[in-house]
Amino acid sequence: MDLIGTPAPDFELSDHHGVAWRLSALRGQNVMVVFYPYAFTGVCTGELCAIRDELAPSLPAETQLLAISCDTKFALRVFAEQQGLNIPLLSDFWPHGEVASAYGVFDPERGCAIRGTFLIDRDGVVRWSVVNAIPHARDISDYRRALGELVAG
């Protein structure tokens, strides 16, 4: 499913603190939505720690980062605390994988999201995405390049 140039599917999910996040409420900001399969797994932990250490500190002020998995918010809370993750970790647990499905990145056989990242502009339109198979980590430099083009453009 290619969402580039289309309005991003709206959603409302709770983060690991129980705070509700609605995508449409973030209009006026760029939003990077990062889907990942499972908390506590090697590749996912590595990716989120790289986002924490290498990407989040240099994000433009008008950009919100949201990470989404099908884990429960309770598991995500422990994961965030153990890894020192200070980005919102949103739970797409119930209805299970509904948001990941709307973005075309839900794997129904495994019951989790695959590695999909979507950059949404201030008007709520998907401007860039990358989707990788579960075992393959994404490249942070791709995120930086896409954000730089969106902010400059």
Protein backbone atom coordinates (compact mmCIF):
# COMPACT_ATOMS: atom_id res chain seq x y z
CA MET A 1 0.00 0.00 0.00
CA ASP A 2 1.54 3.31 -1.07
CA LEU A 3 0.35 6.20 1.09
CA ILE A 4 2.72 8.85 -0.31
CA GLY A 5 0.75 11.97 -1.22
CA THR A 6 -2.42 10.86 0.58
CA PRO A 7 -3.86 11.98 3.91
CA ALA A 8 -2.38 9.93 6.73
CA PRO A 9 -4.91 7.59 8.36
CA ASP A 10 -5.98 9.28 11.58
CA PHE A 11 -5.74 7.42 14.86
CA GLU A 12 -5.95 7.83 18.60
CA LEU A 13 -3.77 5.58 20.75
CA SER A 14 -2.58 5.69 24.35
CA ASP A 15 1.11 5.91 25.14
CA HIS A 16 3.03 4.03 27.80
CA HIS A 17 1.80 6.54 30.42
CA GLY A 18 -1.86 6.23 29.38
CA VAL A 19 -1.86 9.60 27.60
CA ALA A 20 -4.02 9.65 24.45
CA TRP A 21 -2.40 10.84 21.22
CA ARG A 22 -4.57 11.75 18.21
CA LEU A 23 -2.70 12.25 14.95
CA SER A 24 -5.10 14.92 13.67
CA ALA A 25 -4.48 16.97 16.84
CA LEU A 26 -0.85 17.33 15.73
CA ARG A 27 -1.69 19.25 12.54
CA GLY A 28 0.68 22.16 12.11
CA GLN A 29 3.65 19.93 13.02
CA ASN A 30 5.54 17.34 11.04
CA VAL A 31 5.02 13.88 12.53
CA MET A 32 7.26 10.84 12.16
CA VAL A 33 5.38 7.61 12.92
CA VAL A 34 7.65 4.61 13.52
CA PHE A 35 6.02 1.17 13.67
CA TYR A 36 8.09 -1.62 15.22
CA PRO A 37 7.28 -5.29 15.89
CA TYR A 38 7.93 -5.95 19.58
CA ALA A 39 9.31 -4.28 22.68
CA PHE A 40 12.24 -6.06 24.36
CA THR A 41 13.54 -7.67 21.15
CA GLY A 42 17.07 -7.10 19.87
CA VAL A 43 16.50 -5.24 16.60
CA CYS A 44 13.58 -3.16 17.95
CA THR A 45 15.52 -2.17 21.06
CA GLY A 46 18.52 -1.23 18.93
CA GLU A 47 16.40 0.86 16.57
CA LEU A 48 14.57 2.73 19.32
CA CYS A 49 17.79 3.38 21.24
CA ALA A 50 19.37 4.72 18.02
CA ILE A 51 16.34 6.98 17.54
CA ARG A 52 16.70 8.13 21.16
CA ASP A 53 20.44 8.77 20.87
CA GLU A 54 20.97 9.81 17.24
CA LEU A 55 17.70 11.20 15.88
CA ALA A 56 15.55 12.63 18.68
CA PRO A 57 18.14 15.17 19.91
CA SER A 58 18.41 16.72 16.44
CA LEU A 59 14.73 16.74 15.46
CA PRO A 60 13.43 20.11 14.28
CA ALA A 61 11.30 21.78 16.96
CA GLU A 62 8.17 21.43 14.82
CA THR A 63 8.48 17.65 14.53
CA GLN A 64 6.76 15.07 16.75
CA LEU A 65 8.05 11.51 16.88
CA LEU A 66 5.65 8.66 17.72
CA ALA A 67 6.65 4.99 18.00
CA ILE A 68 3.89 2.37 17.70
CA SER A 69 3.78 -1.36 18.44
CA CYS A 70 1.04 -3.88 19.19
CA ASP A 71 2.37 -4.40 22.72
CA THR A 72 0.22 -3.40 25.71
CA LYS A 73 0.83 0.02 27.23
CA PHE A 74 1.94 -1.76 30.42
CA ALA A 75 4.69 -3.66 28.61
CA LEU A 76 5.68 -0.46 26.81
CA ARG A 77 5.98 1.37 30.13
CA VAL A 78 8.46 -1.19 31.48
CA PHE A 79 10.32 -1.20 28.14
CA ALA A 80 10.59 2.62 28.16
CA GLU A 81 11.83 2.64 31.76
CA GLN A 82 14.40 -0.12 31.19
CA GLN A 83 15.78 1.51 28.02
CA GLY A 84 15.48 5.15 29.06
CA LEU A 85 13.19 5.90 26.11
CA ASN A 86 11.70 9.37 26.36
CA ILE A 87 9.65 9.28 23.14
CA PRO A 88 5.94 8.40 23.17
CA LEU A 89 5.52 4.64 22.77
CA LEU A 90 1.95 4.11 21.59
CA SER A 91 0.04 0.86 22.05
CA ASP A 92 -1.87 -0.52 19.04
CA PHE A 93 -2.92 -3.49 21.16
CA TRP A 94 -6.71 -3.19 20.92
CA PRO A 95 -8.35 -3.44 18.52
CA HIS A 96 -5.22 -5.45 17.80
CA GLY A 97 -3.12 -3.89 15.05
CA GLU A 98 -5.88 -1.63 13.76
CA VAL A 99 -3.59 1.36 13.18
CA ALA A 100 -0.77 -0.76 11.73
CA SER A 101 -3.36 -2.27 9.36
CA ALA A 102 -4.52 1.19 8.27
CA TYR A 103 -0.91 1.99 7.33
CA GLY A 104 -0.44 -1.37 5.58
CA VAL A 105 2.22 -2.63 7.99
CA PHE A 106 0.39 -5.25 10.08
CA ASP A 107 1.55 -8.87 9.83
CA PRO A 108 -1.54 -10.91 10.79
CA GLU A 109 0.40 -14.19 11.01
CA ARG A 110 2.75 -12.81 13.67
CA GLY A 111 0.23 -10.42 15.22
CA CYS A 112 2.58 -7.45 15.03
CA ALA A 113 3.59 -4.48 12.93
CA ILE A 114 6.43 -4.81 10.48
CA ARG A 115 9.06 -2.04 10.38
CA GLY A 116 7.30 0.88 8.75
CA THR A 117 8.12 4.56 9.11
CA PHE A 118 5.91 7.37 7.80
CA LEU A 119 6.74 11.07 7.67
CA ILE A 120 3.60 13.19 7.73
CA ASP A 121 3.65 16.89 6.91
CA ARG A 122 1.97 19.75 8.76
CA ASP A 123 -1.20 19.28 6.70
CA GLY A 124 -1.52 15.60 7.58
CA VAL A 125 -0.25 14.23 4.24
CA VAL A 126 2.21 11.32 4.06
CA ARG A 127 5.35 12.66 2.35
CA TRP A 128 7.84 9.81 2.84
CA SER A 129 7.90 6.23 4.04
CA VAL A 130 10.15 3.23 4.33
CA VAL A 131 9.01 -0.30 5.10
CA ASN A 132 11.43 -3.08 6.03
CA ALA A 133 10.86 -6.74 6.80
CA ILE A 134 10.87 -7.64 10.48
CA PRO A 135 14.51 -8.77 10.69
CA HIS A 136 15.94 -5.68 8.93
CA ALA A 137 16.62 -2.49 10.90
CA ARG A 138 16.01 0.89 9.30
CA ASP A 139 18.76 3.43 8.65
CA ILE A 140 18.64 6.58 10.81
CA SER A 141 20.39 8.57 8.05
CA ASP A 142 17.32 7.97 5.82
CA TYR A 143 15.16 9.58 8.51
CA ARG A 144 17.45 12.60 8.72
CA ARG A 145 17.50 13.03 4.95
CA ALA A 146 13.70 12.81 4.64
CA LEU A 147 13.16 15.23 7.54
CA GLY A 148 15.69 17.67 6.07
CA GLU A 149 13.91 17.64 2.71
CA LEU A 150 10.49 18.14 4.33
CA VAL A 151 11.62 21.00 6.57
CA ALA A 152 13.56 22.70 3.74
CA GLY A 153 10.80 22.20 1.18
